[in-house]
Amino acid sequence: MKRFVLLDTTPIPDNGGALCLFEYGDDFVIKIQGGDGGQLMNTRMHGSEDALAEIPCRKVAGRPGSRVLIGGLGMGFTLASALKHLGKNAEVVVAELVPGVVEWNRGPLGEKAGRPLSDPRTVIRMEDVAKVLQAEPQGFDAIMLDVDNGPEGLTQKANSWLYSAGGLAACAKALRSKGVLAVWSASADRQFSDKLKKAGFKAEEVQVFAHGNKGTRHTIWIAEKLKG
């Protein structure tokens, strides 16, 4: 009988909480320490994380020297998908706040996603994705955000800024002409679709299965920058 085996715990900077990595049979699971027992992510269900990168990266892959930004490393599946769908001269910048998550991806989690951190096109930035956005105007062809549970911050309330009018304006400024913003969420949110439009994006809400072609669906907003 499978059971959860705690492998490691790592602190989340600035909020006093922690993330826990568990082994569960042949899979790995990440949870919030002391939470309600719910899983933040696992290595068995990552279809929507794959799609978060596949959809926007297909749109920009033909651009010379494509450069994209991923907010949140997670279990590495979004990074692996981005690398799969971009050319050999592309660069994928990953902004990750939790050092332990990077170490897990270099260690036990790496094989599950195909060790994308070893790809020479990968650049890890140990800082808040908001700071990366604000520091690099017109620096990216696509931005993929999977920083929390979606527009409503779960692990850190500060994450909510990314999904505010100010955060979306910063995303628009960080994108090159006709750039693409992709945002993952555990659930749909009509108000967020409206926010994207007000921030100057042409937005489409896509429903993607978490695993295979049945069961739980997650939401991905694909928003194309209209001006500049």
C-alpha atoms as a PDB file:
ATOM      1  CA  MET A   1       0.000   0.000   0.000  1.00  0.00           C
ATOM      2  CA  LYS A   2       1.370   3.418  -1.006  1.00  0.00           C
ATOM      3  CA  ARG A   3       1.966   5.997   1.682  1.00  0.00           C
ATOM      4  CA  PHE A   4       3.374   9.510   1.862  1.00  0.00           C
ATOM      5  CA  VAL A   5       7.043   9.593   2.861  1.00  0.00           C
ATOM      6  CA  LEU A   6       8.429  13.014   3.804  1.00  0.00           C
ATOM      7  CA  LEU A   7      11.738  13.623   2.004  1.00  0.00           C
ATOM      8  CA  ASP A   8      12.464  17.256   2.780  1.00  0.00           C
ATOM      9  CA  THR A   9      11.070  20.567   4.042  1.00  0.00           C
ATOM     10  CA  THR A  10      12.133  23.985   2.793  1.00  0.00           C
ATOM     11  CA  PRO A  11      11.136  27.470   4.019  1.00  0.00           C
ATOM     12  CA  ILE A  12       9.183  29.909   1.873  1.00  0.00           C
ATOM     13  CA  PRO A  13      10.999  33.276   2.042  1.00  0.00           C
ATOM     14  CA  ASP A  14       9.213  36.157   3.760  1.00  0.00           C
ATOM     15  CA  ASN A  15       6.032  34.395   4.918  1.00  0.00           C
ATOM     16  CA  GLY A  16       7.279  32.025   7.617  1.00  0.00           C
ATOM     17  CA  GLY A  17       5.715  28.972   6.022  1.00  0.00           C
ATOM     18  CA  ALA A  18       7.342  25.980   4.388  1.00  0.00           C
ATOM     19  CA  LEU A  19       6.933  23.524   1.546  1.00  0.00           C
ATOM     20  CA  CYS A  20       7.213  19.765   2.024  1.00  0.00           C
ATOM     21  CA  LEU A  21       8.364  17.235  -0.565  1.00  0.00           C
ATOM     22  CA  PHE A  22       6.862  13.756  -0.267  1.00  0.00           C
ATOM     23  CA  GLU A  23       7.478  10.526  -2.084  1.00  0.00           C
ATOM     24  CA  TYR A  24       4.263   8.647  -2.869  1.00  0.00           C
ATOM     25  CA  GLY A  25       4.964   5.355  -4.600  1.00  0.00           C
ATOM     26  CA  ASP A  26       6.643   6.219  -7.888  1.00  0.00           C
ATOM     27  CA  ASP A  27       5.534   9.841  -7.704  1.00  0.00           C
ATOM     28  CA  PHE A  28       6.452  12.984  -5.782  1.00  0.00           C
ATOM     29  CA  VAL A  29       4.096  15.465  -4.129  1.00  0.00           C
ATOM     30  CA  ILE A  30       4.603  18.999  -2.798  1.00  0.00           C
ATOM     31  CA  LYS A  31       2.378  20.287   0.013  1.00  0.00           C
ATOM     32  CA  ILE A  32       2.286  23.310   2.304  1.00  0.00           C
ATOM     33  CA  GLN A  33       3.548  22.428   5.761  1.00  0.00           C
ATOM     34  CA  GLY A  34       0.720  22.405   8.274  1.00  0.00           C
ATOM     35  CA  GLY A  35      -1.887  22.929   5.553  1.00  0.00           C
ATOM     36  CA  ASP A  36      -5.160  21.077   5.077  1.00  0.00           C
ATOM     37  CA  GLY A  37      -3.407  18.114   3.487  1.00  0.00           C
ATOM     38  CA  GLY A  38      -4.096  19.253  -0.072  1.00  0.00           C
ATOM     39  CA  GLN A  39      -1.450  18.890  -2.746  1.00  0.00           C
ATOM     40  CA  LEU A  40       0.048  21.933  -4.428  1.00  0.00           C
ATOM     41  CA  MET A  41       1.419  19.764  -7.233  1.00  0.00           C
ATOM     42  CA  ASN A  42       2.488  16.243  -8.054  1.00  0.00           C
ATOM     43  CA  THR A  43       4.458  14.443 -10.743  1.00  0.00           C
ATOM     44  CA  ARG A  44       1.528  12.336 -11.924  1.00  0.00           C
ATOM     45  CA  MET A  45      -0.750  15.154 -13.056  1.00  0.00           C
ATOM     46  CA  HIS A  46       0.960  17.890 -15.043  1.00  0.00           C
ATOM     47  CA  GLY A  47      -1.011  18.186 -18.276  1.00  0.00           C
ATOM     48  CA  SER A  48      -2.023  21.783 -17.595  1.00  0.00           C
ATOM     49  CA  GLU A  49       1.529  22.728 -16.571  1.00  0.00           C
ATOM     50  CA  ASP A  50       2.743  21.351 -19.920  1.00  0.00           C
ATOM     51  CA  ALA A  51       0.071  23.312 -21.795  1.00  0.00           C
ATOM     52  CA  LEU A  52       0.946  26.529 -19.939  1.00  0.00           C
ATOM     53  CA  ALA A  53       4.216  26.581 -21.893  1.00  0.00           C
ATOM     54  CA  GLU A  54       3.243  24.738 -25.062  1.00  0.00           C
ATOM     55  CA  ILE A  55       0.520  27.163 -26.162  1.00  0.00           C
ATOM     56  CA  PRO A  56       2.491  30.444 -25.872  1.00  0.00           C
ATOM     57  CA  CYS A  57       5.836  28.965 -26.920  1.00  0.00           C
ATOM     58  CA  ARG A  58       4.369  27.611 -30.145  1.00  0.00           C
ATOM     59  CA  LYS A  59       3.247  31.159 -30.911  1.00  0.00           C
ATOM     60  CA  VAL A  60       6.708  32.706 -30.448  1.00  0.00           C
ATOM     61  CA  ALA A  61       9.039  29.831 -31.375  1.00  0.00           C
ATOM     62  CA  GLY A  62       9.602  31.195 -34.879  1.00  0.00           C
ATOM     63  CA  ARG A  63      10.982  34.505 -33.656  1.00  0.00           C
ATOM     64  CA  PRO A  64      14.780  34.811 -33.824  1.00  0.00           C
ATOM     65  CA  GLY A  65      16.354  34.397 -30.398  1.00  0.00           C
ATOM     66  CA  SER A  66      13.054  33.814 -28.616  1.00  0.00           C
ATOM     67  CA  ARG A  67      13.265  34.720 -24.929  1.00  0.00           C
ATOM     68  CA  VAL A  68      10.593  33.711 -22.442  1.00  0.00           C
ATOM     69  CA  LEU A  69      10.023  34.025 -18.694  1.00  0.00           C
ATOM     70  CA  ILE A  70       8.472  31.462 -16.362  1.00  0.00           C
ATOM     71  CA  GLY A  71       7.273  32.588 -12.945  1.00  0.00           C
ATOM     72  CA  GLY A  72       7.636  29.596 -10.643  1.00  0.00           C
ATOM     73  CA  LEU A  73       9.704  26.468 -11.285  1.00  0.00           C
ATOM     74  CA  GLY A  74       7.337  24.023  -9.601  1.00  0.00           C
ATOM     75  CA  MET A  75       8.236  20.476 -10.576  1.00  0.00           C
ATOM     76  CA  GLY A  76       9.926  21.559 -13.801  1.00  0.00           C
ATOM     77  CA  PHE A  77       7.225  20.435 -16.247  1.00  0.00           C
ATOM     78  CA  THR A  78       6.422  23.916 -17.581  1.00  0.00           C
ATOM     79  CA  LEU A  79      10.143  24.552 -18.110  1.00  0.00           C
ATOM     80  CA  ALA A  80      10.550  21.204 -19.883  1.00  0.00           C
ATOM     81  CA  SER A  81       7.593  21.971 -22.147  1.00  0.00           C
ATOM     82  CA  ALA A  82       8.948  25.420 -23.012  1.00  0.00           C
ATOM     83  CA  LEU A  83      12.314  23.946 -23.974  1.00  0.00           C
ATOM     84  CA  LYS A  84      10.583  21.308 -26.089  1.00  0.00           C
ATOM     85  CA  HIS A  85       8.654  23.868 -28.121  1.00  0.00           C
ATOM     86  CA  LEU A  86      11.353  26.532 -28.567  1.00  0.00           C
ATOM     87  CA  GLY A  87      14.344  26.597 -30.888  1.00  0.00           C
ATOM     88  CA  LYS A  88      17.987  25.907 -30.081  1.00  0.00           C
ATOM     89  CA  ASN A  89      18.816  29.617 -29.786  1.00  0.00           C
ATOM     90  CA  ALA A  90      16.030  30.423 -27.346  1.00  0.00           C
ATOM     91  CA  GLU A  91      16.476  31.396 -23.699  1.00  0.00           C
ATOM     92  CA  VAL A  92      14.119  30.387 -20.897  1.00  0.00           C
ATOM     93  CA  VAL A  93      14.416  32.458 -17.729  1.00  0.00           C
ATOM     94  CA  VAL A  94      12.868  30.916 -14.616  1.00  0.00           C
ATOM     95  CA  ALA A  95      12.195  33.120 -11.584  1.00  0.00           C
ATOM     96  CA  GLU A  96      11.906  31.021  -8.412  1.00  0.00           C
ATOM     97  CA  LEU A  97      11.789  32.382  -4.858  1.00  0.00           C
ATOM     98  CA  VAL A  98      12.326  29.134  -2.952  1.00  0.00           C
ATOM     99  CA  PRO A  99      15.906  27.782  -3.161  1.00  0.00           C
ATOM    100  CA  GLY A 100      14.780  24.372  -1.930  1.00  0.00           C
ATOM    101  CA  VAL A 101      12.500  23.936  -4.942  1.00  0.00           C
ATOM    102  CA  VAL A 102      15.485  24.412  -7.259  1.00  0.00           C
ATOM    103  CA  GLU A 103      17.491  21.864  -5.270  1.00  0.00           C
ATOM    104  CA  TRP A 104      14.642  19.353  -5.452  1.00  0.00           C
ATOM    105  CA  ASN A 105      14.566  19.787  -9.226  1.00  0.00           C
ATOM    106  CA  ARG A 106      18.308  19.208  -9.412  1.00  0.00           C
ATOM    107  CA  GLY A 107      17.874  16.121  -7.250  1.00  0.00           C
ATOM    108  CA  PRO A 108      14.957  13.677  -6.863  1.00  0.00           C
ATOM    109  CA  LEU A 109      12.453  15.550  -9.071  1.00  0.00           C
ATOM    110  CA  GLY A 110      14.790  16.101 -12.012  1.00  0.00           C
ATOM    111  CA  GLU A 111      14.312  12.806 -13.772  1.00  0.00           C
ATOM    112  CA  LYS A 112      10.514  13.124 -13.830  1.00  0.00           C
ATOM    113  CA  ALA A 113      10.646  16.226 -16.051  1.00  0.00           C
ATOM    114  CA  GLY A 114      13.732  15.158 -18.036  1.00  0.00           C
ATOM    115  CA  ARG A 115      16.205  17.317 -16.083  1.00  0.00           C
ATOM    116  CA  PRO A 116      15.365  20.627 -17.809  1.00  0.00           C
ATOM    117  CA  LEU A 117      17.673  22.581 -15.474  1.00  0.00           C
ATOM    118  CA  SER A 118      20.603  20.930 -17.272  1.00  0.00           C
ATOM    119  CA  ASP A 119      19.582  22.436 -20.620  1.00  0.00           C
ATOM    120  CA  PRO A 120      21.977  25.271 -21.601  1.00  0.00           C
ATOM    121  CA  ARG A 121      18.998  27.417 -22.640  1.00  0.00           C
ATOM    122  CA  THR A 122      17.763  27.526 -19.027  1.00  0.00           C
ATOM    123  CA  VAL A 123      18.597  30.501 -16.787  1.00  0.00           C
ATOM    124  CA  ILE A 124      17.549  30.377 -13.117  1.00  0.00           C
ATOM    125  CA  ARG A 125      16.925  33.670 -11.307  1.00  0.00           C
ATOM    126  CA  MET A 126      16.529  33.326  -7.544  1.00  0.00           C
ATOM    127  CA  GLU A 127      14.192  36.264  -7.094  1.00  0.00           C
ATOM    128  CA  ASP A 128      10.590  37.366  -7.245  1.00  0.00           C
ATOM    129  CA  VAL A 129       9.219  37.202 -10.789  1.00  0.00           C
ATOM    130  CA  ALA A 130       7.707  40.659 -10.206  1.00  0.00           C
ATOM    131  CA  LYS A 131      11.210  42.128  -9.879  1.00  0.00           C
ATOM    132  CA  VAL A 132      12.348  40.413 -13.072  1.00  0.00           C
ATOM    133  CA  LEU A 133       9.340  41.815 -14.940  1.00  0.00           C
ATOM    134  CA  GLN A 134       9.945  45.347 -13.750  1.00  0.00           C
ATOM    135  CA  ALA A 135      13.676  45.219 -14.481  1.00  0.00           C
ATOM    136  CA  GLU A 136      13.377  44.144 -18.116  1.00  0.00           C
ATOM    137  CA  PRO A 137      10.992  46.237 -20.229  1.00  0.00           C
ATOM    138  CA  GLN A 138      10.325  44.555 -23.580  1.00  0.00           C
ATOM    139  CA  GLY A 139      12.627  41.754 -22.510  1.00  0.00           C
ATOM    140  CA  PHE A 140      10.450  38.748 -23.326  1.00  0.00           C
ATOM    141  CA  ASP A 141       8.420  37.265 -26.147  1.00  0.00           C
ATOM    142  CA  ALA A 142       6.269  35.275 -23.728  1.00  0.00           C
ATOM    143  CA  ILE A 143       5.622  35.190 -19.990  1.00  0.00           C
ATOM    144  CA  MET A 144       4.168  32.172 -18.181  1.00  0.00           C
ATOM    145  CA  LEU A 145       2.893  32.589 -14.634  1.00  0.00           C
ATOM    146  CA  ASP A 146       2.313  29.637 -12.325  1.00  0.00           C
ATOM    147  CA  VAL A 147       3.330  31.385  -9.136  1.00  0.00           C
ATOM    148  CA  ASP A 148       0.448  30.335  -6.931  1.00  0.00           C
ATOM    149  CA  ASN A 149      -3.034  28.850  -7.191  1.00  0.00           C
ATOM    150  CA  GLY A 150      -4.034  31.451  -9.750  1.00  0.00           C
ATOM    151  CA  PRO A 151      -5.366  35.027  -9.465  1.00  0.00           C
ATOM    152  CA  GLU A 152      -6.074  34.502  -5.757  1.00  0.00           C
ATOM    153  CA  GLY A 153      -2.742  34.080  -3.930  1.00  0.00           C
ATOM    154  CA  LEU A 154      -2.657  30.885  -1.847  1.00  0.00           C
ATOM    155  CA  THR A 155       0.829  30.411  -0.443  1.00  0.00           C
ATOM    156  CA  GLN A 156       1.649  34.129  -0.314  1.00  0.00           C
ATOM    157  CA  LYS A 157      -0.770  37.057  -0.364  1.00  0.00           C
ATOM    158  CA  ALA A 158       1.955  39.164  -2.010  1.00  0.00           C
ATOM    159  CA  ASN A 159       1.535  37.019  -5.109  1.00  0.00           C
ATOM    160  CA  SER A 160      -1.833  38.672  -5.683  1.00  0.00           C
ATOM    161  CA  TRP A 161      -0.038  41.795  -6.967  1.00  0.00           C
ATOM    162  CA  LEU A 162       0.953  39.934 -10.122  1.00  0.00           C
ATOM    163  CA  TYR A 163      -2.712  39.505 -10.995  1.00  0.00           C
ATOM    164  CA  SER A 164      -3.700  43.086 -10.142  1.00  0.00           C
ATOM    165  CA  ALA A 165      -3.993  45.933 -12.647  1.00  0.00           C
ATOM    166  CA  GLY A 166      -0.463  47.034 -11.709  1.00  0.00           C
ATOM    167  CA  GLY A 167       0.989  43.576 -12.106  1.00  0.00           C
ATOM    168  CA  LEU A 168      -0.659  42.999 -15.470  1.00  0.00           C
ATOM    169  CA  ALA A 169       0.586  46.410 -16.650  1.00  0.00           C
ATOM    170  CA  ALA A 170       4.100  45.335 -15.650  1.00  0.00           C
ATOM    171  CA  CYS A 171       3.666  42.138 -17.663  1.00  0.00           C
ATOM    172  CA  ALA A 172       2.591  44.138 -20.702  1.00  0.00           C
ATOM    173  CA  LYS A 173       5.644  46.405 -20.405  1.00  0.00           C
ATOM    174  CA  ALA A 174       7.957  43.399 -20.075  1.00  0.00           C
ATOM    175  CA  LEU A 175       6.613  41.838 -23.280  1.00  0.00           C
ATOM    176  CA  ARG A 176       7.918  42.577 -26.744  1.00  0.00           C
ATOM    177  CA  SER A 177       5.631  43.450 -29.649  1.00  0.00           C
ATOM    178  CA  LYS A 178       2.796  40.909 -29.952  1.00  0.00           C
ATOM    179  CA  GLY A 179       4.095  39.109 -26.884  1.00  0.00           C
ATOM    180  CA  VAL A 180       2.035  36.465 -25.118  1.00  0.00           C
ATOM    181  CA  LEU A 181       1.118  36.210 -21.427  1.00  0.00           C
ATOM    182  CA  ALA A 182      -0.060  32.809 -20.156  1.00  0.00           C
ATOM    183  CA  VAL A 183      -1.512  32.458 -16.654  1.00  0.00           C
ATOM    184  CA  TRP A 184      -2.338  29.168 -14.903  1.00  0.00           C
ATOM    185  CA  SER A 185      -5.181  28.845 -12.431  1.00  0.00           C
ATOM    186  CA  ALA A 186      -6.859  26.009 -10.567  1.00  0.00           C
ATOM    187  CA  SER A 187     -10.239  27.484 -11.502  1.00  0.00           C
ATOM    188  CA  ALA A 188     -11.957  29.925 -13.846  1.00  0.00           C
ATOM    189  CA  ASP A 189     -12.326  33.615 -12.961  1.00  0.00           C
ATOM    190  CA  ARG A 190     -14.434  35.905 -15.146  1.00  0.00           C
ATOM    191  CA  GLN A 191     -13.198  39.024 -13.365  1.00  0.00           C
ATOM    192  CA  PHE A 192      -9.608  38.173 -14.230  1.00  0.00           C
ATOM    193  CA  SER A 193     -10.503  37.872 -17.919  1.00  0.00           C
ATOM    194  CA  ASP A 194     -11.871  41.420 -17.726  1.00  0.00           C
ATOM    195  CA  LYS A 195      -8.699  42.629 -15.991  1.00  0.00           C
ATOM    196  CA  LEU A 196      -6.579  41.258 -18.829  1.00  0.00           C
ATOM    197  CA  LYS A 197      -8.630  43.128 -21.417  1.00  0.00           C
ATOM    198  CA  LYS A 198      -8.349  46.373 -19.461  1.00  0.00           C
ATOM    199  CA  ALA A 199      -4.556  45.884 -19.293  1.00  0.00           C
ATOM    200  CA  GLY A 200      -4.335  45.852 -23.099  1.00  0.00           C
ATOM    201  CA  PHE A 201      -4.480  42.142 -23.849  1.00  0.00           C
ATOM    202  CA  LYS A 202      -6.629  40.094 -26.178  1.00  0.00           C
ATOM    203  CA  ALA A 203      -7.449  37.257 -23.811  1.00  0.00           C
ATOM    204  CA  GLU A 204      -8.705  33.720 -24.308  1.00  0.00           C
ATOM    205  CA  GLU A 205      -9.645  31.387 -21.459  1.00  0.00           C
ATOM    206  CA  VAL A 206      -8.613  27.785 -22.168  1.00  0.00           C
ATOM    207  CA  GLN A 207      -9.732  24.771 -20.143  1.00  0.00           C
ATOM    208  CA  VAL A 208      -7.094  22.023 -19.912  1.00  0.00           C
ATOM    209  CA  PHE A 209      -7.237  18.630 -18.236  1.00  0.00           C
ATOM    210  CA  ALA A 210      -4.839  18.175 -15.337  1.00  0.00           C
ATOM    211  CA  HIS A 211      -4.078  14.656 -16.523  1.00  0.00           C
ATOM    212  CA  GLY A 212      -4.974  12.850 -19.740  1.00  0.00           C
ATOM    213  CA  ASN A 213      -8.380  13.669 -21.213  1.00  0.00           C
ATOM    214  CA  LYS A 214     -10.715  13.377 -18.259  1.00  0.00           C
ATOM    215  CA  GLY A 215     -11.190  14.471 -14.670  1.00  0.00           C
ATOM    216  CA  THR A 216     -10.141  17.797 -13.169  1.00  0.00           C
ATOM    217  CA  ARG A 217      -9.732  20.760 -15.493  1.00  0.00           C
ATOM    218  CA  HIS A 218      -7.560  23.794 -14.903  1.00  0.00           C
ATOM    219  CA  THR A 219      -7.753  27.205 -16.534  1.00  0.00           C
ATOM    220  CA  ILE A 220      -5.074  28.878 -18.636  1.00  0.00           C
ATOM    221  CA  TRP A 221      -5.472  32.428 -19.892  1.00  0.00           C
ATOM    222  CA  ILE A 222      -3.663  33.082 -23.173  1.00  0.00           C
ATOM    223  CA  ALA A 223      -3.376  36.845 -23.553  1.00  0.00           C
ATOM    224  CA  GLU A 224      -1.740  38.517 -26.551  1.00  0.00           C
ATOM    225  CA  LYS A 225      -0.377  42.029 -26.179  1.00  0.00           C
ATOM    226  CA  LEU A 226      -2.254  44.381 -28.501  1.00  0.00           C
ATOM    227  CA  LYS A 227       0.069  47.398 -28.620  1.00  0.00           C
ATOM    228  CA  GLY A 228       3.808  48.135 -28.493  1.00  0.00           C
END
